[in-house]
């Protein structure tokens, strides 16, 4: 009507009539209505080119031939990636419910476009793409926590072959770092069981960088000291403190050395007396004895290997990465097994599409199995004392009725006992005593 009135207003006054049933008005109305429809269609075309204004009215689903405007925009981005059903709109409702569906669909499209504009080949981009295809979209706190559980591990790290050495103290040895970057190795040092005197202040030094780590303690025969990659150390499996941290290795070969001193066995002091020191007295004509000293026992190494050393490290493969995804992400993955397109199975294809050219990618799902166990332990102590010599006592420790319930109603009945016997005390009595 508005377009028809606008056309009539342009005619001379005697053609104008308030009677909308006359032939002129009805003729102009036919053309005016078509112009109104054409204008509305043009506006729809203009709005359909923008994600913020397009709708998905008339869509039968992204995977059907009858797509809506939002489907058409989404297809420009997602068809080449092979998006999952958690990104696509499958069953749009009618009326106001359909408008609500379009709002959620529009948010997913905007999120995908944002990722692609920022670069989908980056670590952050790959995580965002993978998360979106698992249904993790938006900037809510729950979505952020869920996205943070997905990790990209670069260079596909694996254990390099262990490099073994048999060394004496102060003996140089060469360690190879096969990587193109600096790396901190793990160094395990086993002291030979035939060691006589203990080793004190054992120090591991990288002669190339000058960096060293020292264990300010004593190593006995058969001890194992392990320098860890995180700067800590273990002595026979127990944490100990280091002075400094495990020296890192530069690419290629690095020369290293293990230093230390020999300590005295416990309880030995001033065992050896050195030969008298004879000095020439320059002020007088006759030689004399100036000093007689008792020294702590001096121990010298004959250069024989006393340390078994193993150097192990991680080896990286350039141009590779792994996407690690938890199998269970609370609030998101519960519906995946019920979807026909199995989104988990498509993640590998999607990562292959967005990764940088010339790189190798793999996808790994992680699932952790846990169970809760309740243990009940009963401990009883039985004392037995012979009446004649009163020299032997026997202690019986019995652990009874250990029941371990498992999910599903499966129970395991366990029983065990520990018996300790020996001479705990030696007592003589001058008079007869009766014990209850």
Protein backbone atom coordinates (compact mmCIF):
# COMPACT_ATOMS: atom_id res chain seq x y z
CA UNK A 1 0.00 0.00 0.00
CA UNK A 2 2.75 2.45 0.84
CA UNK A 3 4.33 2.08 -2.58
CA UNK A 4 0.91 2.50 -4.33
CA UNK A 5 0.12 5.68 -2.38
CA UNK A 6 3.55 7.02 -3.23
CA UNK A 7 2.94 6.48 -6.97
CA UNK A 8 -0.57 8.02 -6.90
CA UNK A 9 0.74 11.09 -5.09
CA UNK A 10 2.88 11.88 -8.12
CA UNK A 11 -0.13 12.21 -10.46
CA UNK A 12 -2.00 15.56 -11.05
CA UNK A 13 -4.56 16.46 -8.41
CA UNK A 14 -7.61 15.51 -10.49
CA UNK A 15 -6.28 11.92 -10.71
CA UNK A 16 -6.02 11.68 -6.97
CA UNK A 17 -8.94 10.07 -5.24
CA UNK A 18 -9.62 8.79 -1.80
CA UNK A 19 -11.60 6.01 -3.36
CA UNK A 20 -9.26 3.02 -3.40
CA UNK A 21 -11.72 0.97 -5.39
CA UNK A 22 -11.47 3.01 -8.56
CA UNK A 23 -9.77 1.45 -11.55
CA UNK A 24 -6.70 3.73 -11.55
CA UNK A 25 -5.82 2.97 -7.94
CA UNK A 26 -6.35 -0.74 -8.42
CA UNK A 27 -4.13 -0.70 -11.54
CA UNK A 28 -1.35 1.17 -9.77
CA UNK A 29 -1.73 -1.14 -6.74
CA UNK A 30 -0.84 -4.16 -8.86
CA UNK A 31 2.50 -2.65 -9.83
CA UNK A 32 3.09 -1.12 -6.40
CA UNK A 33 2.70 -4.47 -4.67
CA UNK A 34 5.28 -6.02 -7.00
CA UNK A 35 7.69 -3.19 -6.28
CA UNK A 36 7.14 -3.73 -2.52
CA UNK A 37 7.89 -7.45 -2.89
CA UNK A 38 10.98 -6.76 -4.97
CA UNK A 39 12.24 -4.28 -2.41
CA UNK A 40 11.68 -6.72 0.44
CA UNK A 41 13.49 -9.43 -1.49
CA UNK A 42 16.39 -7.09 -2.14
CA UNK A 43 16.60 -6.30 1.57
CA UNK A 44 16.54 -10.01 2.36
CA UNK A 45 19.36 -10.60 -0.10
CA UNK A 46 21.38 -7.85 1.50
CA UNK A 47 20.70 -9.18 5.02
CA UNK A 48 21.50 -12.75 4.00
CA UNK A 49 25.10 -11.78 3.28
CA UNK A 50 25.77 -10.91 6.92
CA UNK A 51 25.91 -13.43 9.75
CA UNK A 52 24.50 -10.90 12.20
CA UNK A 53 21.33 -10.31 10.16
CA UNK A 54 20.75 -13.53 8.20
CA UNK A 55 18.29 -16.17 9.41
CA UNK A 56 17.86 -19.81 8.59
CA UNK A 57 14.19 -19.82 7.75
CA UNK A 58 13.15 -22.65 5.48
CA UNK A 59 16.15 -24.85 6.32
CA UNK A 60 15.54 -28.60 6.49
CA UNK A 61 19.05 -29.15 7.89
CA UNK A 62 22.59 -28.38 6.82
CA UNK A 63 23.06 -31.81 5.28
CA UNK A 64 19.93 -31.53 3.12
CA UNK A 65 19.35 -29.78 -0.21
CA UNK A 66 17.02 -27.21 1.40
CA UNK A 67 19.38 -24.89 3.24
CA UNK A 68 18.73 -21.55 4.86
CA UNK A 69 20.75 -18.36 4.58
CA UNK A 70 22.86 -19.19 7.63
CA UNK A 71 23.51 -22.64 6.18
CA UNK A 72 24.76 -20.98 3.01
CA UNK A 73 27.19 -18.76 4.92
CA UNK A 74 28.32 -21.63 7.12
CA UNK A 75 28.96 -23.81 4.08
CA UNK A 76 31.62 -21.37 2.88
CA UNK A 77 33.69 -22.18 5.96
CA UNK A 78 32.78 -25.62 7.17
CA UNK A 79 32.35 -27.79 4.08
CA UNK A 80 36.09 -27.82 3.39
CA UNK A 81 36.72 -28.71 7.05
CA UNK A 82 34.15 -31.44 7.40
CA UNK A 83 32.41 -30.01 10.46
CA UNK A 84 30.49 -32.28 12.81
CA UNK A 85 26.80 -32.18 13.65
CA UNK A 86 27.62 -30.26 16.82
CA UNK A 87 28.49 -27.26 14.63
CA UNK A 88 25.78 -27.65 12.00
CA UNK A 89 22.10 -26.93 12.48
CA UNK A 90 20.11 -30.10 11.88
CA UNK A 91 16.50 -29.59 12.98
CA UNK A 92 15.38 -25.97 13.08
CA UNK A 93 12.11 -25.42 14.86
CA UNK A 94 9.34 -23.15 13.60
CA UNK A 95 8.24 -19.72 14.76
CA UNK A 96 9.86 -18.09 17.79
CA UNK A 97 11.65 -21.33 18.66
CA UNK A 98 13.31 -21.26 15.26
CA UNK A 99 14.58 -17.74 15.93
CA UNK A 100 16.16 -18.99 19.18
CA UNK A 101 17.78 -21.84 17.25
CA UNK A 102 19.19 -19.32 14.77
CA UNK A 103 20.76 -17.31 17.61
CA UNK A 104 22.72 -20.35 18.81
CA UNK A 105 23.63 -21.29 15.25
CA UNK A 106 24.81 -17.75 14.57
CA UNK A 107 27.05 -17.84 17.67
CA UNK A 108 28.70 -21.04 16.45
CA UNK A 109 29.31 -19.56 13.00
CA UNK A 110 30.76 -16.37 14.47
CA UNK A 111 33.04 -18.40 16.72
CA UNK A 112 34.28 -20.47 13.76
CA UNK A 113 34.92 -17.38 11.64
CA UNK A 114 36.83 -15.79 14.51
CA UNK A 115 39.08 -18.83 14.78
CA UNK A 116 39.72 -18.96 11.04
CA UNK A 117 40.56 -15.25 10.93
CA UNK A 118 43.03 -15.64 13.81
CA UNK A 119 44.68 -18.60 12.15
CA UNK A 120 43.42 -22.15 12.53
CA UNK A 121 46.91 -23.59 12.01
CA UNK A 122 48.19 -22.26 15.34
CA UNK A 123 48.06 -24.23 18.60
CA UNK A 124 45.25 -22.03 19.90
CA UNK A 125 43.38 -22.29 16.59
CA UNK A 126 43.60 -26.07 16.41
CA UNK A 127 42.37 -26.39 19.99
CA UNK A 128 39.45 -24.04 19.23
CA UNK A 129 38.51 -25.92 16.04
CA UNK A 130 38.63 -29.30 17.77
CA UNK A 131 36.65 -27.98 20.75
CA UNK A 132 33.98 -26.45 18.51
CA UNK A 133 33.49 -29.72 16.66
CA UNK A 134 32.99 -31.44 20.01
CA UNK A 135 30.31 -28.92 20.95
CA UNK A 136 32.50 -26.67 23.09
CA UNK A 137 31.67 -23.15 21.89
CA UNK A 138 31.24 -19.74 23.43
CA UNK A 139 33.11 -17.84 26.12
CA UNK A 140 31.34 -19.18 29.19
CA UNK A 141 33.43 -20.31 32.13
CA UNK A 142 32.41 -23.93 31.55
CA UNK A 143 33.48 -23.73 27.89
CA UNK A 144 36.84 -22.22 28.81
CA UNK A 145 37.52 -24.98 31.34
CA UNK A 146 36.52 -27.66 28.85
CA UNK A 147 38.75 -26.17 26.11
CA UNK A 148 41.72 -26.11 28.46
CA UNK A 149 41.54 -29.90 28.77
CA UNK A 150 42.48 -30.23 25.09
CA UNK A 151 46.24 -29.98 24.53
CA UNK A 152 48.57 -29.78 21.57
CA UNK A 153 51.88 -31.55 22.21
CA UNK A 154 54.50 -30.48 19.71
CA UNK A 155 57.35 -32.51 18.20
CA UNK A 156 55.93 -35.95 19.21
CA UNK A 157 58.43 -36.45 22.04
CA UNK A 158 59.76 -39.96 22.57
CA UNK A 159 62.53 -41.50 24.62
CA UNK A 160 65.94 -41.40 22.97
CA UNK A 161 68.26 -44.40 23.37
CA UNK A 162 69.97 -44.42 26.76
CA UNK A 163 73.67 -43.53 26.69
CA UNK A 164 75.62 -45.70 29.21
CA UNK A 165 79.08 -44.98 30.65
CA UNK A 166 81.47 -46.64 33.12
CA UNK A 167 83.43 -43.87 34.76
CA UNK A 168 85.93 -42.98 37.42
CA UNK A 169 85.70 -39.70 39.25
CA UNK A 170 87.00 -36.70 37.27
CA UNK A 171 86.80 -38.67 34.01
CA UNK A 172 85.39 -36.68 31.07
CA UNK A 173 82.67 -38.22 28.90
CA UNK A 174 80.69 -37.00 25.87
CA UNK A 175 76.89 -36.96 25.72
CA UNK A 176 74.95 -36.37 22.50
CA UNK A 177 71.79 -34.29 22.33
CA UNK A 178 70.04 -35.39 19.09
CA UNK A 179 67.59 -32.48 19.17
CA UNK A 180 67.74 -29.06 17.57
CA UNK A 181 66.97 -27.36 20.87
CA UNK A 182 68.48 -27.37 24.36
CA UNK A 183 67.24 -30.15 26.60
CA UNK A 184 67.75 -31.23 30.20
CA UNK A 185 68.59 -34.94 30.47
CA UNK A 186 68.03 -37.41 33.28
CA UNK A 187 71.28 -38.77 34.67
CA UNK A 188 71.29 -41.94 36.77
CA UNK A 189 74.49 -42.72 38.70
CA UNK A 190 74.99 -46.13 40.34
CA UNK A 191 77.91 -46.53 42.70
CA UNK A 192 79.72 -49.85 42.30
CA UNK A 193 79.09 -52.29 45.18
CA UNK A 194 82.84 -52.76 45.57
CA UNK A 195 83.43 -49.14 46.56
CA UNK A 196 85.59 -48.92 49.65
CA UNK A 197 85.19 -45.40 50.98
CA UNK A 198 82.05 -43.29 50.47
CA UNK A 199 81.87 -40.46 47.95
CA UNK A 200 81.06 -36.99 49.23
CA UNK A 201 79.81 -33.89 47.38
CA UNK A 202 79.28 -35.64 44.05
CA UNK A 203 79.02 -32.98 41.34
CA UNK A 204 77.75 -33.30 37.76
CA UNK A 205 79.19 -30.62 35.45
CA UNK A 206 78.64 -29.70 31.80
CA UNK A 207 82.10 -28.54 30.78
CA UNK A 208 80.71 -26.88 27.65
CA UNK A 209 78.39 -24.52 29.53
CA UNK A 210 80.04 -24.56 32.96
CA UNK A 211 76.73 -25.38 34.66
CA UNK A 212 76.83 -27.97 37.45
CA UNK A 213 74.66 -29.63 40.08
CA UNK A 214 76.03 -30.94 43.38
CA UNK A 215 74.60 -33.41 45.86
CA UNK A 216 75.87 -32.18 49.25
CA UNK A 217 75.76 -35.59 50.87
CA UNK A 218 77.43 -38.99 50.99
CA UNK A 219 77.10 -41.92 48.58
CA UNK A 220 77.80 -45.41 49.84
CA UNK A 221 78.57 -48.56 47.85
CA UNK A 222 75.51 -49.65 45.84
CA UNK A 223 73.69 -46.30 46.12
CA UNK A 224 71.76 -44.87 43.18
CA UNK A 225 71.61 -41.10 42.66
CA UNK A 226 69.31 -39.83 39.95
CA UNK A 227 69.43 -36.24 38.63
CA UNK A 228 65.94 -35.46 37.29
CA UNK A 229 64.93 -33.12 34.48
CA UNK A 230 62.89 -30.90 36.82
CA UNK A 231 65.90 -29.89 38.90
CA UNK A 232 65.22 -32.40 41.69
CA UNK A 233 67.12 -35.57 42.59
CA UNK A 234 66.41 -39.00 44.07
CA UNK A 235 68.75 -41.02 46.26
CA UNK A 236 67.67 -44.67 46.27
CA UNK A 237 64.18 -43.47 45.32
CA UNK A 238 63.91 -40.80 48.02
CA UNK A 239 63.90 -37.05 47.21
CA UNK A 240 67.06 -35.15 48.10
CA UNK A 241 68.11 -31.53 47.69
CA UNK A 242 70.64 -30.41 45.09
CA UNK A 243 72.84 -27.37 44.94
CA UNK A 244 72.06 -26.14 41.45
CA UNK A 245 69.98 -28.04 38.88
CA UNK A 246 70.71 -30.76 36.35
CA UNK A 247 72.84 -29.17 33.58
CA UNK A 248 71.08 -28.80 30.23
CA UNK A 249 72.62 -30.00 26.97
CA UNK A 250 73.00 -27.92 23.84
CA UNK A 251 72.40 -29.55 20.43
CA UNK A 252 75.18 -31.91 19.42
CA UNK A 253 77.89 -33.25 21.72
CA UNK A 254 78.60 -31.91 25.19
CA UNK A 255 81.55 -32.90 27.37
CA UNK A 256 80.62 -33.66 30.97
CA UNK A 257 82.39 -34.76 34.12
CA UNK A 258 81.45 -36.20 37.50
CA UNK A 259 83.53 -34.97 40.40
CA UNK A 260 83.60 -35.74 44.09
CA UNK A 261 85.76 -36.65 47.04
CA UNK A 262 86.33 -39.76 49.10
CA UNK A 263 85.13 -39.50 52.65
CA UNK A 264 86.22 -41.29 55.81
CA UNK A 265 84.37 -44.35 57.07
CA UNK A 266 82.26 -43.45 60.07
CA UNK A 267 84.17 -43.46 63.36
CA UNK A 268 87.73 -43.30 61.97
CA UNK A 269 89.78 -40.24 62.77
CA UNK A 270 93.51 -39.56 62.49
CA UNK A 271 94.31 -43.15 61.55
CA UNK A 272 97.49 -42.59 59.59
CA UNK A 273 100.72 -40.92 60.54
CA UNK A 274 102.70 -39.48 57.69
CA UNK A 275 106.47 -39.93 57.46
CA UNK A 276 108.42 -37.29 59.25
CA UNK A 277 108.74 -34.23 57.11
CA UNK A 278 112.40 -33.35 56.71
CA UNK A 279 113.14 -29.79 55.75
CA UNK A 280 116.49 -28.12 55.10
CA UNK A 281 117.19 -25.46 57.67
CA UNK A 282 118.73 -22.62 55.80
CA UNK A 283 119.69 -20.53 58.81
CA UNK A 284 121.90 -23.22 60.36
CA UNK A 285 124.32 -25.69 58.91
CA UNK A 286 122.60 -28.90 60.08
CA UNK A 287 119.26 -30.30 58.81
CA UNK A 288 116.43 -30.79 61.31
CA UNK A 289 112.91 -32.10 61.79
CA UNK A 290 110.50 -29.16 61.78
CA UNK A 291 107.10 -30.93 62.09
CA UNK A 292 105.43 -34.18 62.89
CA UNK A 293 101.73 -34.25 61.99
CA UNK A 294 99.00 -36.88 62.25
CA UNK A 295 96.67 -36.44 59.26
CA UNK A 296 93.18 -37.81 58.58
CA UNK A 297 93.31 -40.89 56.43
CA UNK A 298 94.05 -39.94 52.83
CA UNK A 299 92.39 -42.00 50.12
CA UNK A 300 93.50 -41.93 46.50
CA UNK A 301 91.71 -43.42 43.48
CA UNK A 302 93.59 -45.70 41.13
CA UNK A 303 91.44 -44.52 38.19
CA UNK A 304 89.27 -47.64 38.01
CA UNK A 305 85.59 -47.13 37.08
CA UNK A 306 83.44 -46.86 40.17
CA UNK A 307 80.31 -45.32 38.62
CA UNK A 308 77.76 -46.79 36.20
CA UNK A 309 76.14 -43.79 34.52
CA UNK A 310 73.05 -43.74 32.28
CA UNK A 311 72.04 -40.54 30.48
CA UNK A 312 68.51 -40.51 29.06
CA UNK A 313 66.53 -37.72 27.43
CA UNK A 314 63.55 -36.96 25.26
CA UNK A 315 63.96 -36.83 21.50
CA UNK A 316 61.76 -34.44 19.51
CA UNK A 317 60.64 -34.80 15.88
CA UNK A 318 60.46 -31.39 14.14
CA UNK A 319 57.32 -30.59 12.15
CA UNK A 320 55.04 -32.92 14.10
CA UNK A 321 52.43 -32.56 16.82
CA UNK A 322 49.77 -34.53 18.66
CA UNK A 323 46.33 -33.33 19.73
CA UNK A 324 45.47 -34.89 23.09
CA UNK A 325 41.74 -34.94 23.84
CA UNK A 326 40.08 -36.31 26.99
CA UNK A 327 37.56 -39.00 26.09
CA UNK A 328 35.25 -37.65 28.78
CA UNK A 329 34.64 -33.90 29.04
CA UNK A 330 31.81 -33.37 31.55
CA UNK A 331 28.88 -31.46 30.12
CA UNK A 332 29.86 -31.99 26.49
CA UNK A 333 30.89 -35.52 25.51
CA UNK A 334 27.89 -37.32 27.01
CA UNK A 335 25.90 -36.87 23.76
CA UNK A 336 28.66 -37.83 21.32
CA UNK A 337 27.90 -41.54 21.23
CA UNK A 338 24.27 -40.84 20.37
CA UNK A 339 25.06 -38.78 17.27
CA UNK A 340 24.95 -40.47 13.89
CA UNK A 341 28.11 -38.84 12.49
CA UNK A 342 30.32 -39.86 15.49
CA UNK A 343 32.13 -36.51 16.02
CA UNK A 344 35.18 -38.11 17.66
CA UNK A 345 35.93 -40.02 14.47
CA UNK A 346 35.97 -36.82 12.38
CA UNK A 347 38.44 -34.84 14.49
CA UNK A 348 41.46 -36.39 12.75
CA UNK A 349 40.16 -35.34 9.32
CA UNK A 350 39.44 -31.81 10.56
CA UNK A 351 42.92 -31.42 12.09
CA UNK A 352 44.44 -32.66 8.82
CA UNK A 353 42.56 -29.91 6.94
CA UNK A 354 43.53 -26.99 9.16
CA UNK A 355 47.15 -27.86 10.00
CA UNK A 356 50.03 -26.14 8.26
CA UNK A 357 51.33 -27.71 5.06
CA UNK A 358 54.30 -30.01 5.48
CA UNK A 359 53.54 -30.96 9.08
CA UNK A 360 52.47 -34.32 10.48
CA UNK A 361 49.61 -34.48 12.97
CA UNK A 362 48.00 -37.23 14.99
CA UNK A 363 45.09 -37.32 17.43
CA UNK A 364 45.03 -39.22 20.73
CA UNK A 365 42.08 -39.67 23.07
CA UNK A 366 42.81 -40.11 26.78
CA UNK A 367 40.61 -41.95 29.24
CA UNK A 368 41.39 -42.54 32.89
CA UNK A 369 39.81 -45.35 34.86
CA UNK A 370 39.33 -44.86 38.58
CA UNK A 371 37.62 -46.85 41.31
CA UNK A 372 36.91 -46.26 44.96
CA UNK A 373 37.92 -48.97 47.40
CA UNK A 374 37.13 -49.21 51.09
CA UNK A 375 39.39 -51.31 53.29
CA UNK A 376 38.69 -52.48 56.82
CA UNK A 377 41.68 -53.83 58.75
CA UNK A 378 41.66 -55.53 62.14
CA UNK A 379 44.96 -55.90 64.03
CA UNK A 380 45.33 -58.20 67.02
CA UNK A 381 48.43 -58.62 69.20
CA UNK A 382 49.18 -61.86 71.02
CA UNK A 383 52.04 -62.08 73.56
CA UNK A 384 53.53 -65.44 74.56
CA UNK A 385 56.14 -65.74 77.31
CA UNK A 386 57.68 -69.12 78.28
CA UNK A 387 57.51 -69.68 82.06
CA UNK A 388 60.98 -71.31 82.50
CA UNK A 389 63.75 -69.13 81.01
CA UNK A 390 61.76 -65.94 80.37
CA UNK A 391 64.06 -65.25 77.43
CA UNK A 392 61.76 -65.61 74.41
CA UNK A 393 58.72 -63.66 73.44
CA UNK A 394 56.65 -64.18 70.35
CA UNK A 395 54.42 -61.57 68.80
CA UNK A 396 51.72 -62.56 66.35
CA UNK A 397 50.19 -59.84 64.23
CA UNK A 398 47.09 -61.00 62.39
CA UNK A 399 45.24 -59.00 59.78
CA UNK A 400 41.74 -60.42 59.37
CA UNK A 401 38.66 -59.73 57.31
CA UNK A 402 39.94 -57.44 54.62
CA UNK A 403 36.95 -56.91 52.37
CA UNK A 404 37.37 -54.85 49.23
CA UNK A 405 34.04 -53.87 47.64
CA UNK A 406 34.16 -53.20 43.92
CA UNK A 407 31.53 -51.46 41.77
CA UNK A 408 28.97 -53.98 40.61
CA UNK A 409 28.83 -55.92 43.86
CA UNK A 410 31.99 -58.03 43.48
CA UNK A 411 33.72 -58.65 46.84
CA UNK A 412 37.14 -60.15 47.52
CA UNK A 413 37.76 -61.63 50.94
CA UNK A 414 41.43 -61.45 51.86
CA UNK A 415 43.26 -62.55 54.94
CA UNK A 416 46.89 -62.26 55.92
CA UNK A 417 49.05 -62.65 58.96
CA UNK A 418 52.47 -61.46 60.07
CA UNK A 419 54.39 -63.37 62.73
CA UNK A 420 57.47 -61.89 64.35
CA UNK A 421 59.59 -63.98 66.71
CA UNK A 422 62.90 -63.41 68.38
CA UNK A 423 64.70 -62.59 71.61
CA UNK A 424 63.12 -59.32 72.64
CA UNK A 425 64.41 -59.29 76.20
CA UNK A 426 66.57 -61.33 78.54
CA UNK A 427 65.46 -61.18 82.14
CA UNK A 428 66.22 -63.31 85.20
CA UNK A 429 64.04 -63.37 88.30
CA UNK A 430 65.37 -64.09 91.78
CA UNK A 431 61.96 -64.81 93.14
CA UNK A 432 58.87 -66.56 91.85
CA UNK A 433 56.49 -64.23 90.14
CA UNK A 434 53.10 -65.04 88.77
CA UNK A 435 51.76 -63.23 85.75
CA UNK A 436 48.14 -63.19 84.77
